[in-house]
Protein backbone atom coordinates (compact mmCIF):
# COMPACT_ATOMS: atom_id res chain seq x y z
CA MET A 1 -104.43 40.57 -131.18
CA ARG A 2 -105.87 42.77 -133.87
CA ILE A 3 -107.81 42.04 -137.03
CA ARG A 4 -106.07 39.87 -139.62
CA ALA A 5 -106.79 39.44 -143.29
CA SER A 6 -106.60 35.64 -143.02
CA VAL A 7 -105.38 32.84 -140.78
CA ALA A 8 -101.63 32.42 -141.11
CA ALA A 9 -100.47 29.19 -142.73
CA VAL A 10 -98.75 26.68 -140.46
CA THR A 11 -96.05 24.14 -141.13
CA GLY A 12 -97.37 21.19 -143.14
CA ALA A 13 -101.04 20.31 -143.41
CA LEU A 14 -101.97 21.09 -139.80
CA ALA A 15 -103.46 24.39 -138.66
CA LEU A 16 -104.38 25.23 -135.11
CA SER A 17 -107.16 27.52 -136.40
CA ALA A 18 -106.66 31.10 -135.16
CA PHE A 19 -106.10 30.63 -131.46
CA VAL A 20 -104.30 33.44 -129.72
CA ALA A 21 -102.27 32.84 -126.66
CA PRO A 22 -101.40 35.69 -127.10
CA ALA A 23 -100.05 34.82 -130.57
CA ALA A 24 -100.90 31.96 -132.91
CA HIS A 25 -98.87 28.76 -132.44
CA ALA A 26 -98.44 25.67 -134.56
CA ALA A 27 -97.28 22.09 -134.14
CA PRO A 28 -94.87 20.44 -136.55
CA ALA A 29 -96.48 18.68 -139.51
CA ASP A 30 -95.43 15.23 -138.27
CA ALA A 31 -96.88 15.74 -134.80
CA PRO A 32 -100.46 17.04 -134.82
CA PRO A 33 -102.00 18.01 -131.49
CA TYR A 34 -104.26 15.64 -129.63
CA ALA A 35 -107.94 16.37 -129.04
CA LEU A 36 -108.09 18.25 -125.77
CA ASN A 37 -110.80 17.04 -123.41
CA ALA A 38 -112.60 20.37 -123.37
CA SER A 39 -115.94 21.68 -124.60
CA PHE A 40 -117.70 25.03 -124.64
CA SER A 41 -121.26 26.09 -123.80
CA ASN A 42 -123.39 29.02 -122.65
CA PHE A 43 -121.52 31.41 -124.90
CA LYS A 44 -122.73 35.00 -124.65
CA ILE A 45 -121.75 38.12 -126.57
CA GLY A 46 -123.65 41.25 -127.55
CA SER A 47 -125.75 41.03 -130.69
CA SER A 48 -123.83 43.91 -132.21
CA ILE A 49 -120.63 45.93 -131.80
CA LYS A 50 -120.72 49.60 -132.75
CA VAL A 51 -117.41 50.73 -134.24
CA GLY A 52 -116.59 54.36 -134.96
CA THR A 53 -113.65 55.89 -136.77
CA THR A 54 -110.81 56.06 -134.23
CA ASN A 55 -111.56 54.77 -130.74
CA GLU A 56 -110.81 51.21 -129.68
CA VAL A 57 -113.95 49.17 -129.00
CA SER A 58 -113.81 46.26 -126.56
CA THR A 59 -116.71 43.83 -126.25
CA THR A 60 -116.90 41.29 -123.44
CA TYR A 61 -117.91 37.67 -123.98
CA THR A 62 -118.42 34.82 -121.53
CA TYR A 63 -118.75 31.05 -121.79
CA THR A 64 -118.57 27.85 -119.78
CA LEU A 65 -115.53 25.62 -120.26
CA THR A 66 -116.11 21.97 -119.36
CA HIS A 67 -112.92 19.91 -119.14
CA GLY A 68 -111.37 16.63 -118.12
CA SER A 69 -108.51 15.84 -115.79
CA ASP A 70 -105.99 16.51 -118.56
CA VAL A 71 -106.82 20.21 -118.46
CA ASN A 72 -105.33 22.53 -115.85
CA ILE A 73 -106.91 25.95 -116.32
CA LYS A 74 -104.38 27.45 -113.90
CA ALA A 75 -101.37 26.31 -115.93
CA SER A 76 -99.31 29.19 -117.30
CA ASP A 77 -99.31 27.63 -120.77
CA PHE A 78 -103.04 26.87 -120.97
CA TYR A 79 -104.98 29.36 -123.05
CA THR A 80 -108.56 29.75 -124.18
CA ASP A 81 -110.37 32.52 -126.01
CA ALA A 82 -112.96 33.40 -128.63
CA TYR A 83 -112.63 35.37 -131.84
CA LEU A 84 -114.80 36.58 -134.72
CA TYR A 85 -114.45 35.31 -138.26
CA ARG A 86 -116.09 35.69 -141.65
CA GLY A 87 -116.43 32.89 -144.15
CA SER A 88 -115.20 29.43 -143.23
CA VAL A 89 -113.48 28.90 -139.89
CA ASP A 90 -110.82 26.82 -141.68
CA ASP A 91 -110.18 29.52 -144.26
CA PRO A 92 -111.69 32.79 -143.02
CA SER A 93 -111.63 35.94 -145.09
CA ALA A 94 -111.03 37.97 -141.93
CA THR A 95 -110.80 37.56 -138.17
CA VAL A 96 -111.10 39.90 -135.21
CA GLU A 97 -109.56 38.80 -131.94
CA GLY A 98 -108.79 39.95 -128.42
CA ASP A 99 -105.61 41.49 -127.10
CA ALA A 100 -105.31 38.73 -124.49
CA PRO A 101 -106.67 35.27 -123.77
CA ALA A 102 -109.82 34.83 -121.74
CA THR A 103 -109.63 34.55 -117.96
CA CYS A 104 -111.22 31.45 -116.45
CA LYS A 105 -112.48 30.92 -112.92
CA ALA A 106 -113.21 27.40 -111.67
CA ALA A 107 -116.87 26.77 -110.90
CA THR A 108 -116.52 23.05 -110.16
CA SER A 109 -113.74 20.51 -110.56
CA THR A 110 -114.67 20.10 -114.23
CA THR A 111 -116.16 23.45 -115.24
CA ALA A 112 -114.99 27.04 -115.39
CA THR A 113 -116.55 30.36 -116.27
CA CYS A 114 -114.42 32.20 -118.80
CA THR A 115 -114.47 35.90 -119.67
CA GLY A 116 -112.63 37.68 -122.45
CA THR A 117 -112.86 40.56 -124.88
CA VAL A 118 -112.87 41.12 -128.61
CA ASP A 119 -110.89 44.29 -129.32
CA VAL A 120 -111.42 46.34 -132.47
CA TYR A 121 -109.07 49.10 -133.62
CA PRO A 122 -110.66 51.04 -136.52
CA VAL A 123 -107.80 53.52 -136.57
CA ASP A 124 -105.45 50.75 -137.72
CA GLY A 125 -107.18 50.77 -141.09
CA ASP A 126 -107.68 47.00 -141.23
CA LEU A 127 -111.47 47.18 -141.31
CA LEU A 128 -113.12 47.83 -144.64
CA ASN A 129 -116.60 49.26 -144.96
CA SER A 130 -117.58 45.97 -146.59
CA ASP A 131 -116.71 44.20 -143.33
CA ALA A 132 -119.81 45.68 -141.69
CA GLY A 133 -122.45 43.06 -140.98
CA LYS A 134 -122.70 39.64 -139.36
CA TRP A 135 -119.66 37.70 -138.10
CA SER A 136 -119.44 34.20 -136.64
CA VAL A 137 -117.69 33.26 -133.40
CA ASP A 138 -115.17 30.47 -132.74
CA VAL A 139 -114.13 29.38 -129.24
CA GLU A 140 -110.91 27.47 -128.64
CA ALA A 141 -108.53 26.16 -126.00
CA VAL A 142 -104.94 24.94 -126.12
CA ALA A 143 -102.74 23.22 -123.55
CA LEU A 144 -99.06 23.51 -124.48
CA ASN A 145 -98.04 21.16 -121.66
CA GLY A 146 -94.53 22.57 -121.48
CA GLN A 147 -93.91 22.64 -125.24
CA ASN A 148 -92.26 25.67 -126.79
CA PRO A 149 -95.10 27.50 -128.55
CA ASP A 150 -92.83 28.72 -131.34
CA ALA A 151 -90.96 25.46 -131.95
CA PRO A 152 -92.49 22.56 -130.01
CA ALA A 153 -90.25 19.54 -129.65
CA ASP A 154 -93.27 17.25 -129.74
CA GLY A 155 -96.46 18.70 -131.15
CA SER A 156 -98.38 15.59 -130.18
CA LYS A 157 -98.16 16.72 -126.56
CA ILE A 158 -100.12 19.86 -127.34
CA GLY A 159 -103.86 19.61 -126.78
CA PHE A 160 -106.34 21.62 -128.81
CA ALA A 161 -110.13 21.99 -128.86
CA GLU A 162 -112.50 24.40 -130.57
CA LYS A 163 -116.12 25.03 -131.39
CA ALA A 164 -116.86 27.03 -134.51
CA GLY A 165 -120.10 28.90 -135.10
CA VAL A 166 -120.90 29.03 -131.40
CA ALA A 167 -122.61 32.42 -131.87
CA THR A 168 -122.90 35.40 -134.19
CA THR A 169 -122.55 39.13 -133.70
CA SER A 170 -122.51 42.11 -136.04
CA LEU A 171 -119.80 44.71 -136.52
CA LEU A 172 -121.68 47.93 -137.28
CA ARG A 173 -120.53 51.26 -138.68
CA ASN A 174 -121.47 53.65 -135.87
CA SER A 175 -124.17 56.19 -136.70
CA LYS A 176 -124.93 59.76 -135.60
CA LEU A 177 -128.13 61.75 -135.95
CA THR A 178 -128.89 65.44 -135.32
CA VAL A 179 -132.02 67.58 -135.27
CA ASN A 180 -132.86 71.27 -135.18
CA ALA A 181 -136.40 72.64 -135.06
CA SER A 182 -136.94 76.34 -135.75
CA PRO A 183 -138.02 79.01 -135.18
CA GLU A 184 -137.99 78.93 -131.39
CA PRO A 185 -140.35 80.11 -130.03
CA VAL A 186 -143.07 79.92 -132.68
CA LYS A 187 -146.65 81.07 -132.89
CA LYS A 188 -149.37 78.43 -132.95
CA GLY A 189 -150.39 77.55 -136.49
CA LYS A 190 -147.12 78.72 -137.99
CA THR A 191 -144.60 76.49 -139.77
CA ILE A 192 -141.76 74.72 -138.00
CA THR A 193 -138.82 73.62 -140.13
CA VAL A 194 -137.05 70.53 -138.83
CA THR A 195 -133.57 69.85 -140.19
CA GLY A 196 -130.93 67.29 -139.28
CA ALA A 197 -128.32 64.92 -140.63
CA LEU A 198 -127.74 61.17 -140.56
CA THR A 199 -124.08 60.14 -140.76
CA ARG A 200 -122.13 56.94 -140.22
CA ALA A 201 -118.52 55.92 -139.73
CA ASN A 202 -116.34 55.28 -142.74
CA TRP A 203 -113.71 52.74 -141.64
CA GLU A 204 -111.47 53.48 -144.60
CA ASP A 205 -110.92 57.22 -144.25
CA HIS A 206 -111.83 57.46 -140.53
CA LYS A 207 -114.47 60.15 -141.01
CA TYR A 208 -118.25 60.33 -140.73
CA HIS A 209 -120.16 60.75 -143.99
CA GLY A 210 -123.81 61.24 -144.81
CA TYR A 211 -125.89 58.06 -144.93
CA THR A 212 -127.97 58.65 -148.02
CA ALA A 213 -131.44 57.54 -149.13
CA GLN A 214 -132.40 56.27 -145.68
CA PRO A 215 -135.90 56.49 -144.15
CA VAL A 216 -135.80 58.46 -140.91
CA LYS A 217 -138.80 59.05 -138.67
CA LEU A 218 -139.68 62.52 -137.44
CA GLN A 219 -141.10 62.14 -133.94
CA PHE A 220 -142.79 64.48 -131.45
CA GLU A 221 -143.10 64.30 -127.67
CA LYS A 222 -145.77 66.59 -126.27
CA LYS A 223 -144.78 68.61 -123.20
CA GLY A 224 -145.60 66.59 -120.10
CA SER A 225 -145.48 63.28 -121.97
CA THR A 226 -142.74 60.64 -121.91
CA THR A 227 -143.58 59.06 -125.25
CA TYR A 228 -142.55 60.03 -128.75
CA THR A 229 -145.07 59.68 -131.57
CA THR A 230 -144.04 59.35 -135.20
CA VAL A 231 -145.34 62.22 -137.30
CA LYS A 232 -143.88 61.38 -140.72
CA THR A 233 -140.95 59.68 -142.43
CA VAL A 234 -138.25 61.72 -144.13
CA THR A 235 -135.63 60.34 -146.53
CA SER A 236 -132.02 61.49 -146.16
CA ASP A 237 -130.66 63.26 -149.24
CA SER A 238 -127.44 62.71 -151.19
CA LYS A 239 -125.42 64.14 -148.29
CA GLY A 240 -127.39 62.51 -145.49
CA ASN A 241 -129.29 65.71 -144.70
CA LEU A 242 -132.89 65.76 -143.48
CA LYS A 243 -135.45 68.53 -143.87
CA THR A 244 -139.21 68.81 -143.50
CA THR A 245 -141.89 71.12 -142.18
CA VAL A 246 -144.74 70.74 -139.68
CA THR A 247 -147.40 72.99 -138.26
CA ALA A 248 -146.90 74.30 -134.73
CA SER A 249 -149.73 73.19 -132.45
CA THR A 250 -148.40 72.72 -128.91
CA ASP A 251 -145.22 72.82 -126.84
CA GLY A 252 -143.03 69.76 -127.22
CA THR A 253 -139.82 68.15 -128.35
CA TRP A 254 -138.93 67.12 -131.88
CA ARG A 255 -136.41 64.46 -132.84
CA TYR A 256 -135.35 62.25 -135.73
CA SER A 257 -135.17 58.48 -135.20
CA PHE A 258 -133.31 56.01 -137.43
CA ALA A 259 -134.21 52.30 -137.18
CA GLY A 260 -130.81 51.06 -138.41
CA THR A 261 -129.78 48.56 -141.08
CA SER A 262 -127.78 45.34 -141.19
CA THR A 263 -124.56 47.39 -141.32
CA THR A 264 -125.46 50.47 -139.27
CA PRO A 265 -127.02 50.73 -135.78
CA SER A 266 -130.22 52.51 -134.86
CA VAL A 267 -129.86 55.98 -133.39
CA ASN A 268 -132.08 58.74 -131.99
CA ALA A 269 -131.22 62.41 -132.19
CA THR A 270 -131.20 64.42 -128.97
CA GLY A 271 -134.60 66.10 -128.93
CA ASP A 272 -135.08 69.82 -129.62
CA PHE A 273 -137.79 71.53 -127.55
CA VAL A 274 -140.00 74.14 -129.22
CA ASP A 275 -142.14 76.63 -127.27
CA VAL A 276 -145.41 77.25 -129.08
CA GLN A 277 -147.05 80.56 -128.14
C-alpha cells in the first residue's frame, strides 16, 4: 500500500491504526477488537532510505513476533506488518506502508521471524520535499478469525495488537555529486581547476536540482594510495555548482565528498585521475 496523507477514519470511535492486510479494515463501533496475544521485538530496518525521483524503493525490515495459542500465523486471515508514520501514531500526518503484509516463519511454537518491506513510490507525487527526514515505525498484527474484513459480523472476534515507535528511519532525498579536474595531463606546479555539481532529488517535480550553500570536501588520493585526504572545503553555489583550484604536484585522483544532512544522504563523486608531468 502506498503513502497516505492520513489514517482513514473508521466507523465510530474505534480505529485499527493503519494496519494493511493488504488494505485497512475496521470493526463496527459497538464491537471493538480484543487485545491479540502478540508482541514484537528485535525490530530491524535500515537507518535511512534513499529516495530518488521516479524509481520505486523497497526497504526490508525484520522482527520477532511472540504470540499465544490464540494466534495462528499460518491462517489465511492473519496479517502482520510494519509501516512508517510521522507525528502521532493515532493521528499521523503521513504514513508509508508496504505493498503486502510481512511473511512470518515459525521459530518456536510461540515465536516467529517476520520479514516485510516498506515500498516508496516517488513518481506517484505523494511525497513532499518537506517529508524528508526522520520517521517512526509502528508494528501491528490482526487476526480476523473468519470475520469479513470489510463488514465484520462481530468485530469483537477480531484480534489486534501493535507497538508504536518500535524504531526510526529517515526518508532522504537522494543526492548526486560529480567532479572534473582539468587540464589532463598537467605540468607540475601548474594550476588544476576542479569543478563539479551537487544535486538532490526534488520529490515534487521529479527532477534533480542543485543543492545550494552546502560544504563539500575536495579530496585527493595519491597514485598508489588507497586513502583520500581532504585538501579543502568548497561551498556549492546558487545552482549547486562547485569550483576551486589547486596546484599540481603529483599524479593522483581528485573527488568531491559530501557528508550529507538530515534530509539528504552523503555521497562521493567518482574520482577523476590527473597525470602530472
